[in-house]
Amino acid sequence: MPILGVFFTLLSAASFGFTSATIRRGMVSASALQGLYVTVFAGLPMFVVAALLFGELFRYREIGQFDYLLFGAAGVMNLLVGRYANYRAIASLGANRSGPVVGVSTLVSIAFAVVFLDEVVTPLMAFGIALMMVGPGMVTSKSSARQPDTTATEALIRAPAESTAVAVATEPRLAEGIAWGLAAAVAWGLGPVLMRAAVDTNGLGVLGGLVTYLVAAVGLSLALLLPGQRSSLASVDWSKGKWFLFTSVNSFAANLFRLLALTVAPVTIVTPLMRTQAIFALLLNYAINRRLESFEARVVGGILVSMTGAVLIVI
């Protein structure tokens, strides 16, 4: 097992865990689209600096046209489709419940990696996959459908300048949340496979990350030309929108470490091990969002079962 790849993956998982906690708080006072604008536009200059520091910024001629297409497609899937769908899932279910649903992305990645990258699934990995299928059912069952502190949540939603935002539900919207979570899972499952296929031929993971952010930023810039989009971005309440800025830094670090991991390790190791972010997210949500999130035994158990399945896949 590539130790360096595991190390980078765990750093990425920890960063994504922070992201889960900060975006959950940000979704109380802003919409998913606002969060997408802030995190992508703020992340782009960070990747420019990272590519410069890693000595990859001026090596763009070493990337072939087809690899640019792969990086661009990964940017659309990871940063536009996947991130937006994940934000909507968090708004509907909460960060703890949406985590195992979005975690189905591991299965999508493995399926694509086996078919297109000739990677192999062992019997132990198959058992881990079975566990990962159980976790989402546990956290989205109706018996765990009540938030622990609806009064606190409602107080946050009634805060000034939040009337036009996508409110965090005091009662989880299961069907909506599961649909958005599965959409994020498909996008985030395919994205790493595309990135791995691209970096496998050139090894320029950080520059590839810059390309993904650049493609996403161009797409969002074009979206700003649509009626109402610029006013939507301008209406972000920055006294509370700071949580999106924290998310921008966390997302940058998470994507950077994931790209470094994919440069030295296969998808079938990186993607399942990424699900350890559930532990980091659980701890951080307890520290930051204790009154917003559900910590019922069924929810925590579902997270741990799903994460255990992911870890078994890489043993």
Protein backbone atom coordinates (compact mmCIF):
# COMPACT_ATOMS: atom_id res chain seq x y z
CA MET A 1 0.00 0.00 0.00
CA PRO A 2 1.52 3.42 -0.96
CA ILE A 3 2.19 5.01 2.46
CA LEU A 4 2.57 8.51 1.02
CA GLY A 5 -0.75 8.14 -0.76
CA VAL A 6 -2.45 7.07 2.48
CA PHE A 7 -0.88 10.03 4.32
CA PHE A 8 -2.11 12.55 1.74
CA THR A 9 -5.54 10.89 1.72
CA LEU A 10 -5.92 11.19 5.50
CA LEU A 11 -4.93 14.87 5.34
CA SER A 12 -7.55 15.34 2.63
CA ALA A 13 -10.16 13.47 4.71
CA ALA A 14 -9.47 15.68 7.73
CA SER A 15 -9.82 18.80 5.59
CA PHE A 16 -13.10 17.55 4.12
CA GLY A 17 -14.27 16.88 7.68
CA PHE A 18 -13.66 20.55 8.53
CA THR A 19 -15.48 21.47 5.33
CA SER A 20 -18.56 19.50 6.38
CA ALA A 21 -18.76 21.39 9.67
CA THR A 22 -18.18 24.88 8.26
CA ILE A 23 -20.50 24.49 5.29
CA ARG A 24 -23.25 23.22 7.61
CA ARG A 25 -23.04 26.48 9.56
CA GLY A 26 -22.84 28.53 6.36
CA MET A 27 -25.97 26.91 4.96
CA VAL A 28 -28.00 28.40 7.81
CA SER A 29 -27.61 31.90 6.36
CA ALA A 30 -26.96 31.44 2.64
CA SER A 31 -28.00 29.40 -0.37
CA ALA A 32 -26.14 26.50 -1.93
CA LEU A 33 -25.43 28.56 -5.05
CA GLN A 34 -23.99 31.40 -2.99
CA GLY A 35 -21.75 28.92 -1.24
CA LEU A 36 -20.63 27.55 -4.59
CA TYR A 37 -19.69 31.01 -5.89
CA VAL A 38 -17.69 31.91 -2.79
CA THR A 39 -15.79 28.63 -2.41
CA VAL A 40 -14.84 28.27 -6.10
CA PHE A 41 -13.84 31.90 -6.67
CA ALA A 42 -11.84 31.96 -3.42
CA GLY A 43 -10.20 28.61 -4.14
CA LEU A 44 -8.89 29.57 -7.60
CA PRO A 45 -6.13 31.98 -6.45
CA MET A 46 -5.11 29.49 -3.76
CA PHE A 47 -4.44 26.86 -6.43
CA VAL A 48 -2.48 29.41 -8.51
CA VAL A 49 -0.17 29.95 -5.54
CA ALA A 50 0.04 26.20 -4.84
CA ALA A 51 0.94 25.42 -8.46
CA LEU A 52 3.65 28.08 -8.32
CA LEU A 53 5.08 26.76 -5.04
CA PHE A 54 5.09 23.16 -6.32
CA GLY A 55 6.89 24.27 -9.47
CA GLU A 56 4.08 23.19 -11.80
CA LEU A 57 2.55 26.49 -12.87
CA PHE A 58 4.68 26.93 -15.99
CA ARG A 59 4.70 23.25 -16.98
CA TYR A 60 1.32 23.48 -18.69
CA ARG A 61 2.82 22.37 -22.02
CA GLU A 62 3.45 18.93 -20.49
CA ILE A 63 -0.29 18.26 -20.27
CA GLY A 64 -1.87 16.84 -23.41
CA GLN A 65 -5.14 18.06 -24.86
CA PHE A 66 -7.04 14.96 -23.80
CA ASP A 67 -5.74 15.29 -20.22
CA TYR A 68 -6.94 18.89 -20.18
CA LEU A 69 -10.37 17.58 -21.16
CA LEU A 70 -10.22 15.06 -18.31
CA PHE A 71 -9.23 17.74 -15.78
CA GLY A 72 -11.96 20.02 -17.11
CA ALA A 73 -14.58 17.29 -16.83
CA ALA A 74 -13.36 16.56 -13.29
CA GLY A 75 -13.79 20.24 -12.44
CA VAL A 76 -17.38 20.21 -13.65
CA MET A 77 -18.20 16.98 -11.80
CA ASN A 78 -16.35 17.73 -8.54
CA LEU A 79 -16.68 21.48 -8.10
CA LEU A 80 -19.93 22.34 -9.86
CA VAL A 81 -22.28 19.35 -9.88
CA GLY A 82 -20.91 17.47 -6.87
CA ARG A 83 -20.33 20.43 -4.58
CA TYR A 84 -23.69 22.07 -5.33
CA ALA A 85 -25.55 18.79 -4.84
CA ASN A 86 -23.69 18.17 -1.57
CA TYR A 87 -24.63 21.61 -0.27
CA ARG A 88 -28.28 20.94 -1.10
CA ALA A 89 -28.09 17.55 0.61
CA ILE A 90 -26.65 19.16 3.75
CA ALA A 91 -29.41 21.79 3.70
CA SER A 92 -32.04 19.05 3.47
CA LEU A 93 -30.63 16.37 5.78
CA GLY A 94 -27.90 17.96 7.86
CA ALA A 95 -24.20 17.16 7.61
CA ASN A 96 -24.27 13.97 9.70
CA ARG A 97 -27.15 12.30 7.84
CA SER A 98 -26.01 13.37 4.38
CA GLY A 99 -22.46 12.06 4.88
CA PRO A 100 -23.15 8.33 4.40
CA VAL A 101 -25.49 9.04 1.48
CA VAL A 102 -22.87 11.11 -0.32
CA GLY A 103 -20.36 8.42 0.69
CA VAL A 104 -21.91 6.14 -1.90
CA SER A 105 -19.49 8.00 -4.20
CA THR A 106 -16.92 5.43 -3.07
CA LEU A 107 -18.89 2.69 -4.80
CA VAL A 108 -19.22 4.77 -7.95
CA SER A 109 -15.47 5.45 -8.02
CA ILE A 110 -14.63 1.78 -7.52
CA ALA A 111 -17.00 0.72 -10.28
CA PHE A 112 -15.47 3.18 -12.75
CA ALA A 113 -11.92 2.32 -11.61
CA VAL A 114 -12.52 -1.41 -12.13
CA VAL A 115 -14.08 -0.91 -15.56
CA PHE A 116 -11.83 1.79 -16.99
CA LEU A 117 -8.59 1.65 -14.95
CA ASP A 118 -8.34 -2.16 -14.62
CA GLU A 119 -8.28 -2.04 -10.81
CA VAL A 120 -9.38 -5.15 -8.85
CA VAL A 121 -12.03 -5.74 -6.14
CA THR A 122 -11.17 -8.39 -3.51
CA PRO A 123 -13.69 -10.35 -1.36
CA LEU A 124 -12.83 -8.16 1.67
CA MET A 125 -13.50 -5.07 -0.42
CA ALA A 126 -16.86 -6.57 -1.41
CA PHE A 127 -17.76 -6.98 2.28
CA GLY A 128 -16.77 -3.37 2.89
CA ILE A 129 -19.01 -2.31 0.03
CA ALA A 130 -21.92 -4.18 1.62
CA LEU A 131 -21.38 -2.29 4.89
CA MET A 132 -21.33 0.98 2.98
CA MET A 133 -24.73 0.16 1.56
CA VAL A 134 -26.16 -0.32 5.08
CA GLY A 135 -24.95 3.01 6.53
CA PRO A 136 -27.12 5.38 4.45
CA GLY A 137 -30.25 3.39 5.30
CA MET A 138 -29.54 3.72 9.02
CA VAL A 139 -29.07 7.49 9.01
CA THR A 140 -32.09 8.25 6.80
CA SER A 141 -34.63 6.04 8.54
CA LYS A 142 -37.80 7.74 9.74
CA SER A 143 -37.10 6.82 13.34
CA SER A 144 -34.15 9.20 13.28
CA ALA A 145 -35.92 11.98 11.46
CA ARG A 146 -36.09 14.54 14.26
CA GLN A 147 -33.42 17.10 14.97
CA PRO A 148 -32.23 17.27 18.61
CA ASP A 149 -32.75 20.98 19.11
CA THR A 150 -35.27 22.54 16.75
CA THR A 151 -35.60 25.70 18.85
CA ALA A 152 -31.95 26.55 18.37
CA THR A 153 -32.12 25.84 14.66
CA GLU A 154 -35.23 27.97 14.19
CA ALA A 155 -33.56 30.82 16.05
CA LEU A 156 -30.61 30.70 13.66
CA ILE A 157 -32.89 30.59 10.63
CA ARG A 158 -34.83 33.64 11.85
CA ALA A 159 -31.63 35.67 12.14
CA PRO A 160 -31.48 38.93 10.08
CA ALA A 161 -30.75 38.78 6.35
CA GLU A 162 -31.52 35.11 6.15
CA SER A 163 -35.06 35.28 4.81
CA THR A 164 -33.99 34.66 1.20
CA ALA A 165 -31.52 31.89 1.92
CA VAL A 166 -32.07 28.18 1.53
CA ALA A 167 -33.01 27.40 5.11
CA VAL A 168 -31.72 24.41 6.97
CA ALA A 169 -34.70 22.21 7.69
CA THR A 170 -35.74 21.76 11.30
CA GLU A 171 -37.23 18.47 10.15
CA PRO A 172 -35.05 16.69 7.57
CA ARG A 173 -36.50 16.53 4.06
CA LEU A 174 -35.57 12.91 3.43
CA ALA A 175 -36.58 12.41 -0.21
CA GLU A 176 -35.03 15.68 -1.32
CA GLY A 177 -31.87 15.13 0.71
CA ILE A 178 -31.36 11.57 -0.52
CA ALA A 179 -31.83 12.66 -4.15
CA TRP A 180 -29.27 15.46 -3.84
CA GLY A 181 -26.93 13.20 -1.86
CA LEU A 182 -27.00 10.52 -4.54
CA ALA A 183 -26.43 13.16 -7.23
CA ALA A 184 -23.36 14.32 -5.32
CA ALA A 185 -22.25 10.71 -4.93
CA VAL A 186 -22.34 10.07 -8.68
CA ALA A 187 -20.48 13.31 -9.46
CA TRP A 188 -17.88 12.83 -6.72
CA GLY A 189 -17.53 9.18 -7.63
CA LEU A 190 -16.67 9.93 -11.25
CA GLY A 191 -14.50 12.98 -10.54
CA PRO A 192 -11.55 11.16 -8.88
CA VAL A 193 -11.47 8.59 -11.68
CA LEU A 194 -11.16 11.38 -14.25
CA MET A 195 -8.42 13.08 -12.22
CA ARG A 196 -6.52 9.83 -11.71
CA ALA A 197 -6.66 9.06 -15.42
CA ALA A 198 -5.23 12.52 -16.18
CA VAL A 199 -2.43 12.63 -13.58
CA ASP A 200 -1.43 9.07 -14.44
CA THR A 201 0.00 10.32 -17.73
CA ASN A 202 1.62 13.59 -16.60
CA GLY A 203 2.01 13.52 -12.79
CA LEU A 204 1.02 17.20 -12.51
CA GLY A 205 -1.69 16.88 -9.87
CA VAL A 206 -1.47 20.42 -8.47
CA LEU A 207 -1.56 22.03 -11.90
CA GLY A 208 -4.46 19.72 -12.71
CA GLY A 209 -6.25 21.00 -9.62
CA LEU A 210 -5.75 24.54 -10.87
CA VAL A 211 -7.31 23.55 -14.19
CA THR A 212 -10.35 22.06 -12.42
CA TYR A 213 -10.90 25.26 -10.44
CA LEU A 214 -10.33 27.43 -13.52
CA VAL A 215 -12.97 25.52 -15.50
CA ALA A 216 -15.43 25.75 -12.60
CA ALA A 217 -14.74 29.49 -12.14
CA VAL A 218 -15.30 30.16 -15.85
CA GLY A 219 -18.59 28.26 -15.71
CA LEU A 220 -19.77 30.25 -12.70
CA SER A 221 -18.64 33.52 -14.28
CA LEU A 222 -20.88 32.76 -17.26
CA ALA A 223 -23.70 31.92 -14.86
CA LEU A 224 -23.35 35.40 -13.35
CA LEU A 225 -24.60 36.78 -16.67
CA LEU A 226 -28.00 35.23 -15.98
CA PRO A 227 -30.68 37.49 -14.46
CA GLY A 228 -30.51 37.76 -10.68
CA GLN A 229 -27.24 35.89 -10.20
CA ARG A 230 -25.04 38.92 -9.49
CA SER A 231 -27.54 40.28 -6.99
CA SER A 232 -27.65 36.85 -5.35
CA LEU A 233 -23.89 36.84 -4.88
CA ALA A 234 -23.90 40.44 -3.68
CA SER A 235 -26.55 39.63 -1.08
CA VAL A 236 -24.30 37.23 0.87
CA ASP A 237 -24.30 38.27 4.53
CA TRP A 238 -20.55 38.38 5.14
CA SER A 239 -21.00 38.57 8.90
CA LYS A 240 -22.19 34.97 8.60
CA GLY A 241 -20.77 34.20 5.15
CA LYS A 242 -17.36 33.92 6.81
CA TRP A 243 -18.19 30.23 7.20
CA PHE A 244 -18.00 29.93 3.42
CA LEU A 245 -14.55 31.53 3.50
CA PHE A 246 -13.46 28.94 6.07
CA THR A 247 -14.96 26.33 3.76
CA SER A 248 -12.98 27.74 0.83
CA VAL A 249 -9.68 27.21 2.66
CA ASN A 250 -10.71 23.75 3.86
CA SER A 251 -11.91 22.71 0.39
CA PHE A 252 -8.69 23.95 -1.19
CA ALA A 253 -6.59 21.90 1.24
CA ALA A 254 -8.83 18.85 0.83
CA ASN A 255 -8.68 18.93 -2.97
CA LEU A 256 -4.94 19.64 -2.99
CA PHE A 257 -4.14 16.66 -0.76
CA ARG A 258 -6.54 14.43 -2.70
CA LEU A 259 -4.82 15.31 -5.97
CA LEU A 260 -1.42 14.59 -4.42
CA ALA A 261 -2.76 11.25 -3.18
CA LEU A 262 -4.16 10.33 -6.59
CA THR A 263 -0.76 11.11 -8.10
CA VAL A 264 0.88 8.29 -6.11
CA ALA A 265 -1.97 5.88 -5.23
CA PRO A 266 -4.83 4.13 -7.09
CA VAL A 267 -8.46 5.22 -6.90
CA THR A 268 -9.46 2.01 -5.11
CA ILE A 269 -7.28 3.04 -2.15
CA VAL A 270 -7.73 6.81 -2.14
CA THR A 271 -11.50 7.06 -2.54
CA PRO A 272 -12.54 4.50 0.11
CA LEU A 273 -10.01 5.83 2.62
CA MET A 274 -11.43 9.31 2.03
CA ARG A 275 -14.53 8.14 3.91
CA THR A 276 -12.59 8.45 7.17
CA GLN A 277 -13.63 12.07 6.83
CA ALA A 278 -16.85 10.91 8.52
CA ILE A 279 -15.03 10.69 11.85
CA PHE A 280 -13.47 14.13 11.46
CA ALA A 281 -16.83 15.55 10.38
CA LEU A 282 -18.63 13.95 13.32
CA LEU A 283 -16.17 15.42 15.83
CA LEU A 284 -16.13 18.86 14.21
CA ASN A 285 -19.90 19.02 13.86
CA TYR A 286 -20.20 18.15 17.54
CA ALA A 287 -17.80 20.98 18.38
CA ILE A 288 -19.30 23.60 16.03
CA ASN A 289 -22.85 22.54 15.20
CA ARG A 290 -23.93 20.62 18.28
CA ARG A 291 -27.36 22.30 18.37
CA LEU A 292 -27.93 21.93 14.63
CA GLU A 293 -26.95 18.32 14.01
CA SER A 294 -28.44 14.99 15.02
CA PHE A 295 -26.25 12.75 17.16
CA GLU A 296 -28.75 9.95 17.75
CA ALA A 297 -27.29 6.48 18.20
CA ARG A 298 -28.77 5.37 14.86
CA VAL A 299 -27.18 8.29 13.00
CA VAL A 300 -23.76 7.88 14.63
CA GLY A 301 -23.97 4.11 14.12
CA GLY A 302 -24.79 4.55 10.44
CA ILE A 303 -21.78 6.85 10.01
CA LEU A 304 -19.45 4.37 11.73
CA VAL A 305 -20.79 1.38 9.76
CA SER A 306 -20.34 3.25 6.48
CA MET A 307 -16.83 4.36 7.44
CA THR A 308 -15.86 0.85 8.57
CA GLY A 309 -16.90 -0.49 5.18
CA ALA A 310 -14.72 2.12 3.48
CA VAL A 311 -11.70 1.22 5.61
CA LEU A 312 -12.16 -2.52 4.92
CA ILE A 313 -11.93 -1.76 1.24
CA VAL A 314 -8.33 -0.54 1.58
CA ILE A 315 -7.01 -3.27 3.93
